[in-house]
Amino acid sequence: RNYKDILSPESVDWIITDPPYPKKFLWVYDVLSELSDYVLKP
């Protein structure tokens, strides 16, 4: 959730990841969507 403290905008070609699957971790996909839009190159 603090990704903007670490990552620069449009600095990554691919996000390749395997987040946790249980229901209590569904919130991470909201953040992952925002993070991806922020950090991925066009």
ModelCIF file with pLDDT and N, C-alpha, C, O atoms, coordinates in Angstrom:
data_MODEL
#
_entry.id   MODEL 
#
_entity.id                         1 
_entity.type                       polymer 
_entity.pdbx_number_of_molecules   1 
#
_entity_poly.entity_id                      1 
_entity_poly.type                           'polypeptide(L)' 
_entity_poly.nstd_linkage                   no 
_entity_poly.nstd_monomer                   no 
_entity_poly.pdbx_seq_one_letter_code       RNYKDILSPESVDWIITDPPYPKKFLWVYDVLSELSDYVLKP 
_entity_poly.pdbx_seq_one_letter_code_can   RNYKDILSPESVDWIITDPPYPKKFLWVYDVLSELSDYVLKP 
_entity_poly.pdbx_strand_id                 A 
#
loop_
_entity_poly_seq.entity_id 
_entity_poly_seq.num 
_entity_poly_seq.mon_id 
_entity_poly_seq.hetero 
1 1  ARG n 
1 2  ASN n 
1 3  TYR n 
1 4  LYS n 
1 5  ASP n 
1 6  ILE n 
1 7  LEU n 
1 8  SER n 
1 9  PRO n 
1 10 GLU n 
1 11 SER n 
1 12 VAL n 
1 13 ASP n 
1 14 TRP n 
1 15 ILE n 
1 16 ILE n 
1 17 THR n 
1 18 ASP n 
1 19 PRO n 
1 20 PRO n 
1 21 TYR n 
1 22 PRO n 
1 23 LYS n 
1 24 LYS n 
1 25 PHE n 
1 26 LEU n 
1 27 TRP n 
1 28 VAL n 
1 29 TYR n 
1 30 ASP n 
1 31 VAL n 
1 32 LEU n 
1 33 SER n 
1 34 GLU n 
1 35 LEU n 
1 36 SER n 
1 37 ASP n 
1 38 TYR n 
1 39 VAL n 
1 40 LEU n 
1 41 LYS n 
1 42 PRO n 
#
_struct_asym.id          A 
_struct_asym.entity_id   1 
#
loop_
_ma_qa_metric.id 
_ma_qa_metric.mode 
_ma_qa_metric.name 
_ma_qa_metric.software_group_id 
_ma_qa_metric.type 
1 global pLDDT . pLDDT 
2 local  pLDDT . pLDDT 
#
_ma_qa_metric_global.metric_id      1 
_ma_qa_metric_global.metric_value   96.45 
_ma_qa_metric_global.model_id       1 
_ma_qa_metric_global.ordinal_id     1 
#
loop_
_ma_qa_metric_local.label_asym_id 
_ma_qa_metric_local.label_comp_id 
_ma_qa_metric_local.label_seq_id 
_ma_qa_metric_local.metric_id 
_ma_qa_metric_local.metric_value 
_ma_qa_metric_local.model_id 
_ma_qa_metric_local.ordinal_id 
A ARG 1  2 97.00 1 1  
A ASN 2  2 97.00 1 2  
A TYR 3  2 97.00 1 3  
A LYS 4  2 97.00 1 4  
A ASP 5  2 96.00 1 5  
A ILE 6  2 95.00 1 6  
A LEU 7  2 97.00 1 7  
A SER 8  2 97.00 1 8  
A PRO 9  2 97.00 1 9  
A GLU 10 2 97.00 1 10 
A SER 11 2 96.00 1 11 
A VAL 12 2 97.00 1 12 
A ASP 13 2 95.00 1 13 
A TRP 14 2 97.00 1 14 
A ILE 15 2 98.00 1 15 
A ILE 16 2 97.00 1 16 
A THR 17 2 96.00 1 17 
A ASP 18 2 95.00 1 18 
A PRO 19 2 95.00 1 19 
A PRO 20 2 93.00 1 20 
A TYR 21 2 91.00 1 21 
A PRO 22 2 92.00 1 22 
A LYS 23 2 95.00 1 23 
A LYS 24 2 96.00 1 24 
A PHE 25 2 96.00 1 25 
A LEU 26 2 98.00 1 26 
A TRP 27 2 98.00 1 27 
A VAL 28 2 97.00 1 28 
A TYR 29 2 98.00 1 29 
A ASP 30 2 98.00 1 30 
A VAL 31 2 98.00 1 31 
A LEU 32 2 98.00 1 32 
A SER 33 2 98.00 1 33 
A GLU 34 2 98.00 1 34 
A LEU 35 2 98.00 1 35 
A SER 36 2 98.00 1 36 
A ASP 37 2 98.00 1 37 
A TYR 38 2 98.00 1 38 
A VAL 39 2 98.00 1 39 
A LEU 40 2 97.00 1 40 
A LYS 41 2 95.00 1 41 
A PRO 42 2 92.00 1 42 
#
loop_
_atom_site.group_PDB 
_atom_site.id 
_atom_site.type_symbol 
_atom_site.label_atom_id 
_atom_site.label_alt_id 
_atom_site.label_comp_id 
_atom_site.label_asym_id 
_atom_site.label_entity_id 
_atom_site.label_seq_id 
_atom_site.pdbx_PDB_ins_code 
_atom_site.Cartn_x 
_atom_site.Cartn_y 
_atom_site.Cartn_z 
_atom_site.occupancy 
_atom_site.B_iso_or_equiv 
_atom_site.pdbx_formal_charge 
_atom_site.auth_seq_id 
_atom_site.auth_comp_id 
_atom_site.auth_asym_id 
_atom_site.auth_atom_id 
_atom_site.pdbx_PDB_model_num 
ATOM 1   N N  . ARG A 1 1  ? 0.822   -1.212  0.000   1.00 97.00 ? 1  ARG A N  1 
ATOM 2   C CA . ARG A 1 1  ? 0.000   0.000   0.000   1.00 97.00 ? 1  ARG A CA 1 
ATOM 3   C C  . ARG A 1 1  ? 0.858   1.265   0.000   1.00 97.00 ? 1  ARG A C  1 
ATOM 4   O O  . ARG A 1 1  ? 0.373   2.360   -0.284  1.00 97.00 ? 1  ARG A O  1 
ATOM 5   N N  . ASN A 1 2  ? 2.150   1.094   0.326   1.00 97.00 ? 2  ASN A N  1 
ATOM 6   C CA . ASN A 1 2  ? 3.085   2.222   0.314   1.00 97.00 ? 2  ASN A CA 1 
ATOM 7   C C  . ASN A 1 2  ? 3.933   2.220   -0.956  1.00 97.00 ? 2  ASN A C  1 
ATOM 8   O O  . ASN A 1 2  ? 5.075   2.680   -0.936  1.00 97.00 ? 2  ASN A O  1 
ATOM 9   N N  . TYR A 1 3  ? 3.395   1.714   -2.044  1.00 97.00 ? 3  TYR A N  1 
ATOM 10  C CA . TYR A 1 3  ? 4.187   1.510   -3.257  1.00 97.00 ? 3  TYR A CA 1 
ATOM 11  C C  . TYR A 1 3  ? 4.770   2.800   -3.823  1.00 97.00 ? 3  TYR A C  1 
ATOM 12  O O  . TYR A 1 3  ? 5.834   2.769   -4.442  1.00 97.00 ? 3  TYR A O  1 
ATOM 13  N N  . LYS A 1 4  ? 4.103   3.924   -3.627  1.00 97.00 ? 4  LYS A N  1 
ATOM 14  C CA . LYS A 1 4  ? 4.622   5.177   -4.188  1.00 97.00 ? 4  LYS A CA 1 
ATOM 15  C C  . LYS A 1 4  ? 5.886   5.646   -3.468  1.00 97.00 ? 4  LYS A C  1 
ATOM 16  O O  . LYS A 1 4  ? 6.618   6.487   -3.989  1.00 97.00 ? 4  LYS A O  1 
ATOM 17  N N  . ASP A 1 5  ? 6.147   5.110   -2.277  1.00 96.00 ? 5  ASP A N  1 
ATOM 18  C CA . ASP A 1 5  ? 7.380   5.442   -1.561  1.00 96.00 ? 5  ASP A CA 1 
ATOM 19  C C  . ASP A 1 5  ? 8.578   4.691   -2.143  1.00 96.00 ? 5  ASP A C  1 
ATOM 20  O O  . ASP A 1 5  ? 9.726   5.038   -1.863  1.00 96.00 ? 5  ASP A O  1 
ATOM 21  N N  . ILE A 1 6  ? 8.312   3.665   -2.949  1.00 95.00 ? 6  ILE A N  1 
ATOM 22  C CA . ILE A 1 6  ? 9.370   2.789   -3.456  1.00 95.00 ? 6  ILE A CA 1 
ATOM 23  C C  . ILE A 1 6  ? 9.531   2.893   -4.963  1.00 95.00 ? 6  ILE A C  1 
ATOM 24  O O  . ILE A 1 6  ? 10.651  2.937   -5.472  1.00 95.00 ? 6  ILE A O  1 
ATOM 25  N N  . LEU A 1 7  ? 8.412   2.934   -5.677  1.00 97.00 ? 7  LEU A N  1 
ATOM 26  C CA . LEU A 1 7  ? 8.414   2.772   -7.128  1.00 97.00 ? 7  LEU A CA 1 
ATOM 27  C C  . LEU A 1 7  ? 8.222   4.101   -7.849  1.00 97.00 ? 7  LEU A C  1 
ATOM 28  O O  . LEU A 1 7  ? 7.544   5.002   -7.354  1.00 97.00 ? 7  LEU A O  1 
ATOM 29  N N  . SER A 1 8  ? 8.823   4.203   -9.011  1.00 97.00 ? 8  SER A N  1 
ATOM 30  C CA . SER A 1 8  ? 8.667   5.391   -9.850  1.00 97.00 ? 8  SER A CA 1 
ATOM 31  C C  . SER A 1 8  ? 7.579   5.143   -10.891 1.00 97.00 ? 8  SER A C  1 
ATOM 32  O O  . SER A 1 8  ? 7.395   4.007   -11.329 1.00 97.00 ? 8  SER A O  1 
ATOM 33  N N  . PRO A 1 9  ? 6.855   6.188   -11.292 1.00 97.00 ? 9  PRO A N  1 
ATOM 34  C CA . PRO A 1 9  ? 5.804   6.009   -12.303 1.00 97.00 ? 9  PRO A CA 1 
ATOM 35  C C  . PRO A 1 9  ? 6.365   5.492   -13.622 1.00 97.00 ? 9  PRO A C  1 
ATOM 36  O O  . PRO A 1 9  ? 7.447   5.892   -14.052 1.00 97.00 ? 9  PRO A O  1 
ATOM 37  N N  . GLU A 1 10 ? 5.610   4.598   -14.256 1.00 97.00 ? 10 GLU A N  1 
ATOM 38  C CA . GLU A 1 10 ? 5.926   4.071   -15.584 1.00 97.00 ? 10 GLU A CA 1 
ATOM 39  C C  . GLU A 1 10 ? 7.387   3.621   -15.691 1.00 97.00 ? 10 GLU A C  1 
ATOM 40  O O  . GLU A 1 10 ? 8.105   4.026   -16.606 1.00 97.00 ? 10 GLU A O  1 
ATOM 41  N N  . SER A 1 11 ? 7.814   2.783   -14.749 1.00 96.00 ? 11 SER A N  1 
ATOM 42  C CA . SER A 1 11 ? 9.209   2.335   -14.693 1.00 96.00 ? 11 SER A CA 1 
ATOM 43  C C  . SER A 1 11 ? 9.376   0.832   -14.883 1.00 96.00 ? 11 SER A C  1 
ATOM 44  O O  . SER A 1 11 ? 10.502  0.333   -14.869 1.00 96.00 ? 11 SER A O  1 
ATOM 45  N N  . VAL A 1 12 ? 8.275   0.100   -15.060 1.00 97.00 ? 12 VAL A N  1 
ATOM 46  C CA . VAL A 1 12 ? 8.321   -1.359  -15.099 1.00 97.00 ? 12 VAL A CA 1 
ATOM 47  C C  . VAL A 1 12 ? 7.666   -1.877  -16.380 1.00 97.00 ? 12 VAL A C  1 
ATOM 48  O O  . VAL A 1 12 ? 6.626   -1.372  -16.801 1.00 97.00 ? 12 VAL A O  1 
ATOM 49  N N  . ASP A 1 13 ? 8.284   -2.889  -16.996 1.00 95.00 ? 13 ASP A N  1 
ATOM 50  C CA . ASP A 1 13 ? 7.724   -3.482  -18.218 1.00 95.00 ? 13 ASP A CA 1 
ATOM 51  C C  . ASP A 1 13 ? 6.653   -4.524  -17.901 1.00 95.00 ? 13 ASP A C  1 
ATOM 52  O O  . ASP A 1 13 ? 5.599   -4.560  -18.536 1.00 95.00 ? 13 ASP A O  1 
ATOM 53  N N  . TRP A 1 14 ? 6.938   -5.371  -16.907 1.00 97.00 ? 14 TRP A N  1 
ATOM 54  C CA . TRP A 1 14 ? 6.016   -6.452  -16.547 1.00 97.00 ? 14 TRP A CA 1 
ATOM 55  C C  . TRP A 1 14 ? 5.905   -6.567  -15.038 1.00 97.00 ? 14 TRP A C  1 
ATOM 56  O O  . TRP A 1 14 ? 6.902   -6.470  -14.322 1.00 97.00 ? 14 TRP A O  1 
ATOM 57  N N  . ILE A 1 15 ? 4.700   -6.771  -14.563 1.00 98.00 ? 15 ILE A N  1 
ATOM 58  C CA . ILE A 1 15 ? 4.490   -7.229  -13.183 1.00 98.00 ? 15 ILE A CA 1 
ATOM 59  C C  . ILE A 1 15 ? 4.110   -8.695  -13.286 1.00 98.00 ? 15 ILE A C  1 
ATOM 60  O O  . ILE A 1 15 ? 3.086   -9.037  -13.878 1.00 98.00 ? 15 ILE A O  1 
ATOM 61  N N  . ILE A 1 16 ? 4.934   -9.563  -12.709 1.00 97.00 ? 16 ILE A N  1 
ATOM 62  C CA . ILE A 1 16 ? 4.685   -11.007 -12.721 1.00 97.00 ? 16 ILE A CA 1 
ATOM 63  C C  . ILE A 1 16 ? 4.664   -11.463 -11.275 1.00 97.00 ? 16 ILE A C  1 
ATOM 64  O O  . ILE A 1 16 ? 5.676   -11.380 -10.579 1.00 97.00 ? 16 ILE A O  1 
ATOM 65  N N  . THR A 1 17 ? 3.511   -11.947 -10.817 1.00 96.00 ? 17 THR A N  1 
ATOM 66  C CA . THR A 1 17 ? 3.367   -12.160 -9.384  1.00 96.00 ? 17 THR A CA 1 
ATOM 67  C C  . THR A 1 17 ? 2.340   -13.237 -9.057  1.00 96.00 ? 17 THR A C  1 
ATOM 68  O O  . THR A 1 17 ? 1.521   -13.614 -9.895  1.00 96.00 ? 17 THR A O  1 
ATOM 69  N N  . ASP A 1 18 ? 2.404   -13.719 -7.832  1.00 95.00 ? 18 ASP A N  1 
ATOM 70  C CA . ASP A 1 18 ? 1.506   -14.774 -7.330  1.00 95.00 ? 18 ASP A CA 1 
ATOM 71  C C  . ASP A 1 18 ? 1.062   -14.384 -5.919  1.00 95.00 ? 18 ASP A C  1 
ATOM 72  O O  . ASP A 1 18 ? 1.636   -14.856 -4.938  1.00 95.00 ? 18 ASP A O  1 
ATOM 73  N N  . PRO A 1 19 ? 0.035   -13.516 -5.811  1.00 95.00 ? 19 PRO A N  1 
ATOM 74  C CA . PRO A 1 19 ? -0.428  -13.069 -4.494  1.00 95.00 ? 19 PRO A CA 1 
ATOM 75  C C  . PRO A 1 19 ? -1.078  -14.204 -3.705  1.00 95.00 ? 19 PRO A C  1 
ATOM 76  O O  . PRO A 1 19 ? -1.385  -15.252 -4.274  1.00 95.00 ? 19 PRO A O  1 
ATOM 77  N N  . PRO A 1 20 ? -1.291  -14.011 -2.412  1.00 93.00 ? 20 PRO A N  1 
ATOM 78  C CA . PRO A 1 20 ? -1.990  -15.039 -1.612  1.00 93.00 ? 20 PRO A CA 1 
ATOM 79  C C  . PRO A 1 20 ? -3.443  -15.200 -2.053  1.00 93.00 ? 20 PRO A C  1 
ATOM 80  O O  . PRO A 1 20 ? -4.078  -14.242 -2.492  1.00 93.00 ? 20 PRO A O  1 
ATOM 81  N N  . TYR A 1 21 ? -3.965  -16.436 -1.931  1.00 91.00 ? 21 TYR A N  1 
ATOM 82  C CA . TYR A 1 21 ? -5.288  -16.768 -2.452  1.00 91.00 ? 21 TYR A CA 1 
ATOM 83  C C  . TYR A 1 21 ? -6.450  -16.658 -1.455  1.00 91.00 ? 21 TYR A C  1 
ATOM 84  O O  . TYR A 1 21 ? -7.577  -16.427 -1.892  1.00 91.00 ? 21 TYR A O  1 
ATOM 85  N N  . PRO A 1 22 ? -6.237  -16.810 -0.136  1.00 92.00 ? 22 PRO A N  1 
ATOM 86  C CA . PRO A 1 22 ? -7.382  -16.821 0.792   1.00 92.00 ? 22 PRO A CA 1 
ATOM 87  C C  . PRO A 1 22 ? -8.237  -15.551 0.725   1.00 92.00 ? 22 PRO A C  1 
ATOM 88  O O  . PRO A 1 22 ? -7.771  -14.490 0.309   1.00 92.00 ? 22 PRO A O  1 
ATOM 89  N N  . LYS A 1 23 ? -9.489  -15.687 1.142   1.00 95.00 ? 23 LYS A N  1 
ATOM 90  C CA . LYS A 1 23 ? -10.462 -14.595 1.047   1.00 95.00 ? 23 LYS A CA 1 
ATOM 91  C C  . LYS A 1 23 ? -10.008 -13.345 1.790   1.00 95.00 ? 23 LYS A C  1 
ATOM 92  O O  . LYS A 1 23 ? -10.278 -12.232 1.339   1.00 95.00 ? 23 LYS A O  1 
ATOM 93  N N  . LYS A 1 24 ? -9.325  -13.508 2.918   1.00 96.00 ? 24 LYS A N  1 
ATOM 94  C CA . LYS A 1 24 ? -8.919  -12.351 3.718   1.00 96.00 ? 24 LYS A CA 1 
ATOM 95  C C  . LYS A 1 24 ? -7.898  -11.464 2.999   1.00 96.00 ? 24 LYS A C  1 
ATOM 96  O O  . LYS A 1 24 ? -7.629  -10.340 3.422   1.00 96.00 ? 24 LYS A O  1 
ATOM 97  N N  . PHE A 1 25 ? -7.329  -11.994 1.893   1.00 96.00 ? 25 PHE A N  1 
ATOM 98  C CA . PHE A 1 25 ? -6.348  -11.211 1.139   1.00 96.00 ? 25 PHE A CA 1 
ATOM 99  C C  . PHE A 1 25 ? -6.918  -10.611 -0.144  1.00 96.00 ? 25 PHE A C  1 
ATOM 100 O O  . PHE A 1 25 ? -6.159  -10.106 -0.972  1.00 96.00 ? 25 PHE A O  1 
ATOM 101 N N  . LEU A 1 26 ? -8.224  -10.653 -0.326  1.00 98.00 ? 26 LEU A N  1 
ATOM 102 C CA . LEU A 1 26 ? -8.807  -10.099 -1.551  1.00 98.00 ? 26 LEU A CA 1 
ATOM 103 C C  . LEU A 1 26 ? -8.499  -8.608  -1.720  1.00 98.00 ? 26 LEU A C  1 
ATOM 104 O O  . LEU A 1 26 ? -8.443  -8.111  -2.845  1.00 98.00 ? 26 LEU A O  1 
ATOM 105 N N  . TRP A 1 27 ? -8.301  -7.907  -0.628  1.00 98.00 ? 27 TRP A N  1 
ATOM 106 C CA . TRP A 1 27 ? -8.027  -6.475  -0.695  1.00 98.00 ? 27 TRP A CA 1 
ATOM 107 C C  . TRP A 1 27 ? -6.761  -6.167  -1.501  1.00 98.00 ? 27 TRP A C  1 
ATOM 108 O O  . TRP A 1 27 ? -6.624  -5.079  -2.059  1.00 98.00 ? 27 TRP A O  1 
ATOM 109 N N  . VAL A 1 28 ? -5.817  -7.152  -1.558  1.00 97.00 ? 28 VAL A N  1 
ATOM 110 C CA . VAL A 1 28 ? -4.554  -6.860  -2.231  1.00 97.00 ? 28 VAL A CA 1 
ATOM 111 C C  . VAL A 1 28 ? -4.765  -6.602  -3.730  1.00 97.00 ? 28 VAL A C  1 
ATOM 112 O O  . VAL A 1 28 ? -3.952  -5.931  -4.366  1.00 97.00 ? 28 VAL A O  1 
ATOM 113 N N  . TYR A 1 29 ? -5.850  -7.134  -4.286  1.00 98.00 ? 29 TYR A N  1 
ATOM 114 C CA . TYR A 1 29 ? -6.073  -6.959  -5.719  1.00 98.00 ? 29 TYR A CA 1 
ATOM 115 C C  . TYR A 1 29 ? -6.555  -5.543  -6.052  1.00 98.00 ? 29 TYR A C  1 
ATOM 116 O O  . TYR A 1 29 ? -6.340  -5.061  -7.164  1.00 98.00 ? 29 TYR A O  1 
ATOM 117 N N  . ASP A 1 30 ? -7.201  -4.883  -5.099  1.00 98.00 ? 30 ASP A N  1 
ATOM 118 C CA . ASP A 1 30 ? -7.512  -3.457  -5.278  1.00 98.00 ? 30 ASP A CA 1 
ATOM 119 C C  . ASP A 1 30 ? -6.222  -2.654  -5.381  1.00 98.00 ? 30 ASP A C  1 
ATOM 120 O O  . ASP A 1 30 ? -6.069  -1.807  -6.261  1.00 98.00 ? 30 ASP A O  1 
ATOM 121 N N  . VAL A 1 31 ? -5.292  -2.937  -4.459  1.00 98.00 ? 31 VAL A N  1 
ATOM 122 C CA . VAL A 1 31 ? -4.019  -2.224  -4.459  1.00 98.00 ? 31 VAL A CA 1 
ATOM 123 C C  . VAL A 1 31 ? -3.192  -2.588  -5.687  1.00 98.00 ? 31 VAL A C  1 
ATOM 124 O O  . VAL A 1 31 ? -2.548  -1.729  -6.289  1.00 98.00 ? 31 VAL A O  1 
ATOM 125 N N  . LEU A 1 32 ? -3.216  -3.871  -6.054  1.00 98.00 ? 32 LEU A N  1 
ATOM 126 C CA . LEU A 1 32 ? -2.441  -4.317  -7.208  1.00 98.00 ? 32 LEU A CA 1 
ATOM 127 C C  . LEU A 1 32 ? -2.914  -3.634  -8.492  1.00 98.00 ? 32 LEU A C  1 
ATOM 128 O O  . LEU A 1 32 ? -2.105  -3.320  -9.365  1.00 98.00 ? 32 LEU A O  1 
ATOM 129 N N  . SER A 1 33 ? -4.207  -3.407  -8.602  1.00 98.00 ? 33 SER A N  1 
ATOM 130 C CA . SER A 1 33 ? -4.736  -2.707  -9.769  1.00 98.00 ? 33 SER A CA 1 
ATOM 131 C C  . SER A 1 33 ? -4.228  -1.267  -9.824  1.00 98.00 ? 33 SER A C  1 
ATOM 132 O O  . SER A 1 33 ? -3.801  -0.799  -10.880 1.00 98.00 ? 33 SER A O  1 
ATOM 133 N N  . GLU A 1 34 ? -4.273  -0.566  -8.694  1.00 98.00 ? 34 GLU A N  1 
ATOM 134 C CA . GLU A 1 34 ? -3.777  0.811   -8.619  1.00 98.00 ? 34 GLU A CA 1 
ATOM 135 C C  . GLU A 1 34 ? -2.278  0.864   -8.881  1.00 98.00 ? 34 GLU A C  1 
ATOM 136 O O  . GLU A 1 34 ? -1.796  1.688   -9.659  1.00 98.00 ? 34 GLU A O  1 
ATOM 137 N N  . LEU A 1 35 ? -1.549  -0.032  -8.215  1.00 98.00 ? 35 LEU A N  1 
ATOM 138 C CA . LEU A 1 35 ? -0.093  -0.087  -8.350  1.00 98.00 ? 35 LEU A CA 1 
ATOM 139 C C  . LEU A 1 35 ? 0.313   -0.326  -9.802  1.00 98.00 ? 35 LEU A C  1 
ATOM 140 O O  . LEU A 1 35 ? 1.227   0.324   -10.312 1.00 98.00 ? 35 LEU A O  1 
ATOM 141 N N  . SER A 1 36 ? -0.367  -1.256  -10.463 1.00 98.00 ? 36 SER A N  1 
ATOM 142 C CA . SER A 1 36 ? -0.031  -1.591  -11.847 1.00 98.00 ? 36 SER A CA 1 
ATOM 143 C C  . SER A 1 36 ? -0.241  -0.398  -12.764 1.00 98.00 ? 36 SER A C  1 
ATOM 144 O O  . SER A 1 36 ? 0.592   -0.111  -13.623 1.00 98.00 ? 36 SER A O  1 
ATOM 145 N N  . ASP A 1 37 ? -1.355  0.294   -12.580 1.00 98.00 ? 37 ASP A N  1 
ATOM 146 C CA . ASP A 1 37 ? -1.647  1.477   -13.395 1.00 98.00 ? 37 ASP A CA 1 
ATOM 147 C C  . ASP A 1 37 ? -0.593  2.550   -13.187 1.00 98.00 ? 37 ASP A C  1 
ATOM 148 O O  . ASP A 1 37 ? -0.274  3.299   -14.110 1.00 98.00 ? 37 ASP A O  1 
ATOM 149 N N  . TYR A 1 38 ? -0.056  2.625   -11.990 1.00 98.00 ? 38 TYR A N  1 
ATOM 150 C CA . TYR A 1 38 ? 0.933   3.637   -11.638 1.00 98.00 ? 38 TYR A CA 1 
ATOM 151 C C  . TYR A 1 38 ? 2.324   3.310   -12.179 1.00 98.00 ? 38 TYR A C  1 
ATOM 152 O O  . TYR A 1 38 ? 2.995   4.183   -12.729 1.00 98.00 ? 38 TYR A O  1 
ATOM 153 N N  . VAL A 1 39 ? 2.759   2.060   -12.028 1.00 98.00 ? 39 VAL A N  1 
ATOM 154 C CA . VAL A 1 39 ? 4.165   1.732   -12.256 1.00 98.00 ? 39 VAL A CA 1 
ATOM 155 C C  . VAL A 1 39 ? 4.452   1.174   -13.645 1.00 98.00 ? 39 VAL A C  1 
ATOM 156 O O  . VAL A 1 39 ? 5.592   1.249   -14.104 1.00 98.00 ? 39 VAL A O  1 
ATOM 157 N N  . LEU A 1 40 ? 3.450   0.617   -14.329 1.00 97.00 ? 40 LEU A N  1 
ATOM 158 C CA . LEU A 1 40 ? 3.702   0.013   -15.634 1.00 97.00 ? 40 LEU A CA 1 
ATOM 159 C C  . LEU A 1 40 ? 3.967   1.069   -16.703 1.00 97.00 ? 40 LEU A C  1 
ATOM 160 O O  . LEU A 1 40 ? 3.356   2.138   -16.701 1.00 97.00 ? 40 LEU A O  1 
ATOM 161 N N  . LYS A 1 41 ? 4.879   0.759   -17.610 1.00 95.00 ? 41 LYS A N  1 
ATOM 162 C CA . LYS A 1 41 ? 5.098   1.596   -18.771 1.00 95.00 ? 41 LYS A CA 1 
ATOM 163 C C  . LYS A 1 41 ? 3.857   1.523   -19.668 1.00 95.00 ? 41 LYS A C  1 
ATOM 164 O O  . LYS A 1 41 ? 3.043   0.614   -19.502 1.00 95.00 ? 41 LYS A O  1 
ATOM 165 N N  . PRO A 1 42 ? 3.691   2.454   -20.613 1.00 92.00 ? 42 PRO A N  1 
ATOM 166 C CA . PRO A 1 42 ? 2.483   2.449   -21.447 1.00 92.00 ? 42 PRO A CA 1 
ATOM 167 C C  . PRO A 1 42 ? 2.206   1.120   -22.144 1.00 92.00 ? 42 PRO A C  1 
ATOM 168 O O  . PRO A 1 42 ? 1.219   0.998   -22.870 1.00 92.00 ? 42 PRO A O  1 
#
